[in-house]
C-alpha atoms as a PDB file:
ATOM      1  CA  MET A   1     154.146  91.393 180.704  1.00  0.00           C
ATOM      2  CA  ASP A   2     151.078  91.436 182.259  1.00  0.00           C
ATOM      3  CA  THR A   3     150.055  95.233 182.022  1.00  0.00           C
ATOM      4  CA  GLU A   4     151.355  95.764 178.327  1.00  0.00           C
ATOM      5  CA  SER A   5     149.202  92.672 177.499  1.00  0.00           C
ATOM      6  CA  THR A   6     146.304  94.214 179.644  1.00  0.00           C
ATOM      7  CA  GLN A   7     146.744  97.274 177.215  1.00  0.00           C
ATOM      8  CA  ASN A   8     146.983  95.436 174.137  1.00  0.00           C
ATOM      9  CA  THR A   9     143.811  93.468 175.113  1.00  0.00           C
ATOM     10  CA  SER A  10     142.042  97.078 176.194  1.00  0.00           C
ATOM     11  CA  GLN A  11     143.354  98.682 172.798  1.00  0.00           C
ATOM     12  CA  ASN A  12     141.915  95.784 171.011  1.00  0.00           C
ATOM     13  CA  GLU A  13     138.617  95.925 172.499  1.00  0.00           C
ATOM     14  CA  SER A  14     138.313  99.295 171.652  1.00  0.00           C
ATOM     15  CA  LYS A  15     139.336  99.047 167.886  1.00  0.00           C
ATOM     16  CA  HIS A  16     136.387  96.420 168.025  1.00  0.00           C
ATOM     17  CA  MET A  17     134.049  98.248 169.725  1.00  0.00           C
ATOM     18  CA  GLU A  18     134.693 100.812 167.036  1.00  0.00           C
ATOM     19  CA  THR A  19     134.154  98.364 164.272  1.00  0.00           C
ATOM     20  CA  ARG A  20     130.813  97.608 165.713  1.00  0.00           C
ATOM     21  CA  ILE A  21     129.984 101.240 166.143  1.00  0.00           C
ATOM     22  CA  GLU A  22     130.783 102.418 162.432  1.00  0.00           C
ATOM     23  CA  ASP A  23     129.086  98.922 161.214  1.00  0.00           C
ATOM     24  CA  LEU A  24     125.646 100.127 163.124  1.00  0.00           C
ATOM     25  CA  LYS A  25     126.397 103.007 162.049  1.00  0.00           C
ATOM     26  CA  TRP A  26     126.337 102.797 158.277  1.00  0.00           C
ATOM     27  CA  GLY A  27     123.196  99.729 159.276  1.00  0.00           C
ATOM     28  CA  ILE A  28     121.248 102.853 160.393  1.00  0.00           C
ATOM     29  CA  GLY A  29     122.336 105.201 157.386  1.00  0.00           C
ATOM     30  CA  LEU A  30     121.375 102.289 154.624  1.00  0.00           C
ATOM     31  CA  PHE A  31     118.591 101.063 156.846  1.00  0.00           C
ATOM     32  CA  ALA A  32     117.691 105.339 156.687  1.00  0.00           C
ATOM     33  CA  GLY A  33     118.357 105.498 152.890  1.00  0.00           C
ATOM     34  CA  VAL A  34     116.262 103.039 151.984  1.00  0.00           C
ATOM     35  CA  LEU A  35     112.898 104.177 154.580  1.00  0.00           C
ATOM     36  CA  SER A  36     114.107 107.394 152.538  1.00  0.00           C
ATOM     37  CA  LEU A  37     113.422 105.727 148.769  1.00  0.00           C
ATOM     38  CA  LEU A  38     110.264 103.625 150.337  1.00  0.00           C
ATOM     39  CA  VAL A  39     108.687 107.235 151.806  1.00  0.00           C
ATOM     40  CA  ALA A  40     109.721 109.059 147.939  1.00  0.00           C
ATOM     41  CA  GLY A  41     108.263 105.853 146.036  1.00  0.00           C
ATOM     42  CA  LEU A  42     105.071 106.131 148.070  1.00  0.00           C
ATOM     43  CA  SER A  43     104.352 109.504 147.842  1.00  0.00           C
ATOM     44  CA  ILE A  44     105.073 109.314 144.285  1.00  0.00           C
ATOM     45  CA  MET A  45     102.414 106.660 143.555  1.00  0.00           C
ATOM     46  CA  VAL A  46     100.208 108.570 145.802  1.00  0.00           C
ATOM     47  CA  GLY A  47     101.102 112.051 144.057  1.00  0.00           C
ATOM     48  CA  LEU A  48     100.274 110.060 140.681  1.00  0.00           C
ATOM     49  CA  ASN A  49      97.155 108.456 142.173  1.00  0.00           C
ATOM     50  CA  LEU A  50      95.873 111.725 143.369  1.00  0.00           C
ATOM     51  CA  SER A  51      96.564 113.263 139.940  1.00  0.00           C
ATOM     52  CA  SER A  52      94.863 110.473 138.058  1.00  0.00           C
ATOM     53  CA  GLU A  53      92.115 110.516 140.121  1.00  0.00           C
ATOM     54  CA  LYS A  54      91.420 114.076 140.222  1.00  0.00           C
ATOM     55  CA  SER A  55      92.079 113.712 136.359  1.00  0.00           C
ATOM     56  CA  SER A  56      89.087 111.404 136.219  1.00  0.00           C
ATOM     57  CA  LEU A  57      87.310 113.603 138.095  1.00  0.00           C
ATOM     58  CA  ASP A  58      87.199 116.960 135.890  1.00  0.00           C
ATOM     59  CA  THR A  59      87.066 114.671 133.093  1.00  0.00           C
ATOM     60  CA  LEU A  60      83.760 113.606 134.790  1.00  0.00           C
ATOM     61  CA  LYS A  61      82.544 116.601 135.449  1.00  0.00           C
ATOM     62  CA  ASN A  62      83.525 118.206 132.133  1.00  0.00           C
ATOM     63  CA  GLU A  63      81.312 114.835 130.665  1.00  0.00           C
ATOM     64  CA  LEU A  64      78.519 116.309 132.748  1.00  0.00           C
ATOM     65  CA  ARG A  65      78.295 119.900 132.419  1.00  0.00           C
ATOM     66  CA  THR A  66      78.626 119.038 128.516  1.00  0.00           C
ATOM     67  CA  GLU A  67      75.786 116.734 129.321  1.00  0.00           C
ATOM     68  CA  VAL A  68      73.468 119.004 130.935  1.00  0.00           C
ATOM     69  CA  ARG A  69      74.193 121.212 128.150  1.00  0.00           C
ATOM     70  CA  GLU A  70      73.333 119.295 125.479  1.00  0.00           C
ATOM     71  CA  TYR A  71      70.142 118.445 127.639  1.00  0.00           C
ATOM     72  CA  LEU A  72      69.283 122.047 128.387  1.00  0.00           C
ATOM     73  CA  GLY A  73      69.826 122.930 124.734  1.00  0.00           C
ATOM     74  CA  LYS A  74      67.382 120.144 123.215  1.00  0.00           C
ATOM     75  CA  SER A  75      64.767 120.842 125.918  1.00  0.00           C
ATOM     76  CA  SER A  76      64.551 124.005 125.416  1.00  0.00           C
ATOM     77  CA  LYS A  77      64.633 124.827 121.512  1.00  0.00           C
ATOM     78  CA  PRO A  78      61.375 125.171 119.493  1.00  0.00           C
ATOM     79  CA  ASN A  79      60.147 122.842 117.037  1.00  0.00           C
ATOM     80  CA  LEU A  80      57.137 123.957 115.003  1.00  0.00           C
ATOM     81  CA  VAL A  81      54.481 121.985 112.910  1.00  0.00           C
ATOM     82  CA  LEU A  82      52.311 123.510 110.623  1.00  0.00           C
ATOM     83  CA  MET A  83      48.635 122.726 110.569  1.00  0.00           C
ATOM     84  CA  GLY A  84      45.068 123.026 109.235  1.00  0.00           C
ATOM     85  CA  VAL A  85      42.069 124.535 111.788  1.00  0.00           C
ATOM     86  CA  ASP A  86      40.677 121.418 111.965  1.00  0.00           C
ATOM     87  CA  GLY A  87      43.382 120.227 114.479  1.00  0.00           C
ATOM     88  CA  ARG A  88      45.199 118.339 111.703  1.00  0.00           C
ATOM     89  CA  GLU A  89      48.849 118.264 110.205  1.00  0.00           C
ATOM     90  CA  LEU A  90      48.816 121.031 106.917  1.00  0.00           C
ATOM     91  CA  GLN A  91      50.968 117.989 105.135  1.00  0.00           C
ATOM     92  CA  GLY A  92      48.673 116.708 102.525  1.00  0.00           C
ATOM     93  CA  GLU A  93      45.590 118.818 103.417  1.00  0.00           C
ATOM     94  CA  THR A  94      43.180 120.621 101.248  1.00  0.00           C
ATOM     95  CA  VAL A  95      42.769 124.413 103.068  1.00  0.00           C
ATOM     96  CA  ASP A  96      39.583 126.307 101.878  1.00  0.00           C
ATOM     97  CA  ALA A  97      40.552 129.640 100.806  1.00  0.00           C
ATOM     98  CA  TRP A  98      39.028 132.992  99.296  1.00  0.00           C
ATOM     99  CA  LEU A  99      40.056 135.473  95.927  1.00  0.00           C
ATOM    100  CA  ALA A 100      39.679 139.100  96.982  1.00  0.00           C
ATOM    101  CA  PRO A 101      40.371 142.272  95.102  1.00  0.00           C
ATOM    102  CA  ASN A 102      43.051 144.723  96.310  1.00  0.00           C
ATOM    103  CA  GLU A 103      44.296 148.155  95.239  1.00  0.00           C
ATOM    104  CA  LYS A 104      47.470 146.281  93.750  1.00  0.00           C
ATOM    105  CA  GLY A 105      45.803 143.082  91.793  1.00  0.00           C
ATOM    106  CA  ALA A 106      44.148 140.723  94.215  1.00  0.00           C
ATOM    107  CA  GLN A 107      44.961 138.406  97.229  1.00  0.00           C
ATOM    108  CA  ILE A 108      44.243 134.910  98.150  1.00  0.00           C
ATOM    109  CA  HIS A 109      43.503 134.211 102.025  1.00  0.00           C
ATOM    110  CA  PHE A 110      43.292 131.373 103.849  1.00  0.00           C
ATOM    111  CA  SER A 111      44.068 129.897 107.851  1.00  0.00           C
ATOM    112  CA  TRP A 112      46.477 128.111 109.179  1.00  0.00           C
ATOM    113  CA  VAL A 113      47.670 127.216 112.714  1.00  0.00           C
ATOM    114  CA  ILE A 114      51.354 127.177 113.485  1.00  0.00           C
ATOM    115  CA  LYS A 115      51.699 124.660 116.682  1.00  0.00           C
ATOM    116  CA  ASN A 116      54.983 124.832 118.811  1.00  0.00           C
ATOM    117  CA  VAL A 117      55.115 121.386 120.478  1.00  0.00           C
ATOM    118  CA  GLY A 118      59.086 121.680 122.089  1.00  0.00           C
ATOM    119  CA  LYS A 119      59.563 124.263 124.851  1.00  0.00           C
ATOM    120  CA  GLY A 120      61.441 127.477 123.674  1.00  0.00           C
ATOM    121  CA  ARG A 121      60.441 130.100 121.820  1.00  0.00           C
ATOM    122  CA  SER A 122      60.211 130.385 118.119  1.00  0.00           C
ATOM    123  CA  GLY A 123      61.928 133.518 117.866  1.00  0.00           C
ATOM    124  CA  LYS A 124      60.883 135.728 114.847  1.00  0.00           C
ATOM    125  CA  ILE A 125      58.921 133.733 112.161  1.00  0.00           C
ATOM    126  CA  PHE A 126      59.496 134.297 108.186  1.00  0.00           C
ATOM    127  CA  ALA A 127      57.581 131.792 105.659  1.00  0.00           C
ATOM    128  CA  ARG A 128      58.036 131.306 101.639  1.00  0.00           C
ATOM    129  CA  PHE A 129      54.940 130.355  99.525  1.00  0.00           C
ATOM    130  CA  TYR A 130      55.416 128.125  96.108  1.00  0.00           C
ATOM    131  CA  SER A 131      53.062 127.232  93.658  1.00  0.00           C
ATOM    132  CA  SER A 132      53.059 126.828  89.299  1.00  0.00           C
ATOM    133  CA  ASN A 133      48.995 127.193  89.783  1.00  0.00           C
ATOM    134  CA  VAL A 134      48.518 130.329  92.539  1.00  0.00           C
ATOM    135  CA  LEU A 135      50.238 132.862  90.410  1.00  0.00           C
ATOM    136  CA  PHE A 136      52.291 134.676  93.413  1.00  0.00           C
ATOM    137  CA  PRO A 137      54.351 137.858  91.944  1.00  0.00           C
ATOM    138  CA  ASP A 138      57.865 136.502  92.394  1.00  0.00           C
ATOM    139  CA  PRO A 139      59.491 133.864  90.188  1.00  0.00           C
ATOM    140  CA  ASP A 140      60.769 131.128  92.313  1.00  0.00           C
ATOM    141  CA  VAL A 141      64.897 130.863  92.563  1.00  0.00           C
ATOM    142  CA  GLU A 142      65.387 128.213  95.297  1.00  0.00           C
ATOM    143  CA  GLY A 143      65.106 125.374  92.806  1.00  0.00           C
ATOM    144  CA  THR A 144      61.744 123.841  94.706  1.00  0.00           C
ATOM    145  CA  GLY A 145      60.190 122.759  91.018  1.00  0.00           C
ATOM    146  CA  TYR A 146      57.749 125.602  91.502  1.00  0.00           C
ATOM    147  CA  LYS A 147      57.590 128.566  89.284  1.00  0.00           C
ATOM    148  CA  PHE A 148      56.363 131.528  91.613  1.00  0.00           C
ATOM    149  CA  SER A 149      57.221 132.242  94.722  1.00  0.00           C
ATOM    150  CA  THR A 150      55.932 134.796  97.672  1.00  0.00           C
ATOM    151  CA  PHE A 151      56.193 135.708 101.268  1.00  0.00           C
ATOM    152  CA  ILE A 152      55.365 137.130 104.586  1.00  0.00           C
ATOM    153  CA  GLU A 153      58.180 138.963 106.250  1.00  0.00           C
ATOM    154  CA  PRO A 154      58.641 138.892 110.600  1.00  0.00           C
ATOM    155  CA  SER A 155      56.435 141.854 110.873  1.00  0.00           C
ATOM    156  CA  LYS A 156      53.247 140.609 109.411  1.00  0.00           C
ATOM    157  CA  PHE A 157      53.262 137.800 111.618  1.00  0.00           C
ATOM    158  CA  GLN A 158      50.681 138.889 114.665  1.00  0.00           C
ATOM    159  CA  PRO A 159      52.203 136.993 117.224  1.00  0.00           C
ATOM    160  CA  SER A 160      55.419 137.698 115.974  1.00  0.00           C
ATOM    161  CA  GLU A 161      56.620 134.657 117.210  1.00  0.00           C
ATOM    162  CA  VAL A 162      55.395 131.482 118.708  1.00  0.00           C
ATOM    163  CA  PHE A 163      55.762 130.617 122.967  1.00  0.00           C
ATOM    164  CA  GLY A 164      56.580 126.997 123.599  1.00  0.00           C
ATOM    165  CA  GLY A 165      53.617 124.954 124.478  1.00  0.00           C
ATOM    166  CA  ALA A 166      51.397 127.374 122.015  1.00  0.00           C
ATOM    167  CA  SER A 167      49.190 127.341 119.202  1.00  0.00           C
ATOM    168  CA  VAL A 168      48.338 130.515 117.073  1.00  0.00           C
ATOM    169  CA  LEU A 169      46.277 130.626 114.393  1.00  0.00           C
ATOM    170  CA  TYR A 170      47.151 132.813 111.325  1.00  0.00           C
ATOM    171  CA  THR A 171      45.353 133.851 108.327  1.00  0.00           C
ATOM    172  CA  ALA A 172      47.518 134.078 105.322  1.00  0.00           C
ATOM    173  CA  ASN A 173      46.340 137.129 103.573  1.00  0.00           C
ATOM    174  CA  LEU A 174      48.753 136.671  99.562  1.00  0.00           C
ATOM    175  CA  GLY A 175      49.168 138.809  96.972  1.00  0.00           C
ATOM    176  CA  VAL A 176      48.193 137.461  93.338  1.00  0.00           C
ATOM    177  CA  ASP A 177      47.735 138.306  89.818  1.00  0.00           C
ATOM    178  CA  GLU A 178      44.529 139.903  89.040  1.00  0.00           C
ATOM    179  CA  SER A 179      43.715 137.573  86.067  1.00  0.00           C
ATOM    180  CA  MET A 180      43.664 135.072  88.015  1.00  0.00           C
ATOM    181  CA  GLN A 181      40.005 134.324  89.155  1.00  0.00           C
ATOM    182  CA  SER A 182      39.148 130.999  90.918  1.00  0.00           C
ATOM    183  CA  LEU A 183      40.615 128.497  92.691  1.00  0.00           C
ATOM    184  CA  ASP A 184      38.262 125.457  90.964  1.00  0.00           C
ATOM    185  CA  SER A 185      41.325 123.344  90.251  1.00  0.00           C
ATOM    186  CA  LYS A 186      42.436 123.190  93.848  1.00  0.00           C
ATOM    187  CA  PRO A 187      46.414 124.372  93.500  1.00  0.00           C
ATOM    188  CA  GLU A 188      48.838 122.987  95.168  1.00  0.00           C
ATOM    189  CA  ILE A 189      51.376 125.419  97.653  1.00  0.00           C
ATOM    190  CA  LEU A 190      54.457 124.522  99.167  1.00  0.00           C
ATOM    191  CA  VAL A 191      54.874 126.489 102.506  1.00  0.00           C
ATOM    192  CA  ARG A 192      58.243 126.565 104.143  1.00  0.00           C
ATOM    193  CA  LEU A 193      58.678 128.426 107.657  1.00  0.00           C
ATOM    194  CA  PHE A 194      61.662 129.425 108.753  1.00  0.00           C
ATOM    195  CA  TYR A 195      62.173 130.291 112.689  1.00  0.00           C
ATOM    196  CA  GLY A 196      64.886 129.631 115.694  1.00  0.00           C
ATOM    197  CA  ASP A 197      68.240 129.268 115.040  1.00  0.00           C
ATOM    198  CA  GLY A 198      68.305 128.297 111.485  1.00  0.00           C
ATOM    199  CA  GLN A 199      65.630 125.935 111.346  1.00  0.00           C
ATOM    200  CA  SER A 200      62.951 125.247 109.110  1.00  0.00           C
ATOM    201  CA  VAL A 201      59.818 123.090 108.175  1.00  0.00           C
ATOM    202  CA  ASP A 202      57.638 122.676 104.673  1.00  0.00           C
ATOM    203  CA  ALA A 203      54.501 121.258 104.464  1.00  0.00           C
ATOM    204  CA  LYS A 204      52.528 120.478 100.563  1.00  0.00           C
ATOM    205  CA  PHE A 205      48.971 121.594 100.652  1.00  0.00           C
ATOM    206  CA  ARG A 206      46.430 122.387  98.251  1.00  0.00           C
ATOM    207  CA  VAL A 207      43.241 125.504  98.792  1.00  0.00           C
ATOM    208  CA  ARG A 208      39.928 125.048  97.539  1.00  0.00           C
ATOM    209  CA  GLN A 209      37.537 128.271  96.791  1.00  0.00           C
ATOM    210  CA  LYS A 210      35.639 128.704 100.277  1.00  0.00           C
ATOM    211  CA  LYS A 211      31.966 128.070  99.789  1.00  0.00           C
END
């Protein structure tokens, strides 16, 4: 009987030990699973944060690049101003001019200045002139309100472009009808200068007979 009792006790202790080992294994497995989930969640959060930070950095870099390009583009653009030879803006000025005959009839001559207050080169420049009292050879087809017009093509400008920060003196030699004999009425002229990438500048001024 003692032997049988001892065997039963040993078997019970063995089963109890096995149960505890199984419980321990289950606990370790559960802990490992929870730990894996925590690590996975942390990795996802870190990945999302890194991705978000990278996206923010990329956006910031793109914005900075755009701002730099815009700044450089603006700072390197030409900006032309039309001036008289007296250093004042041509708008509203009265300019000395003279009429002279030529093989095609007559010409009106006057001097003016193109000043580039920007930093970029002007590129080729082209000018149109309009008036109702100066008898230019062409009609006005641009709806400016003047009757006559003429132009100076880029090849007639010498130099043909104005560097940033430079001022250039030009003399206009514009053909007019030979019937025009004087400038006593101080007729008004509109000049429209085209340059750069579709830029333009206007000025209205009067001309008087040079003494």
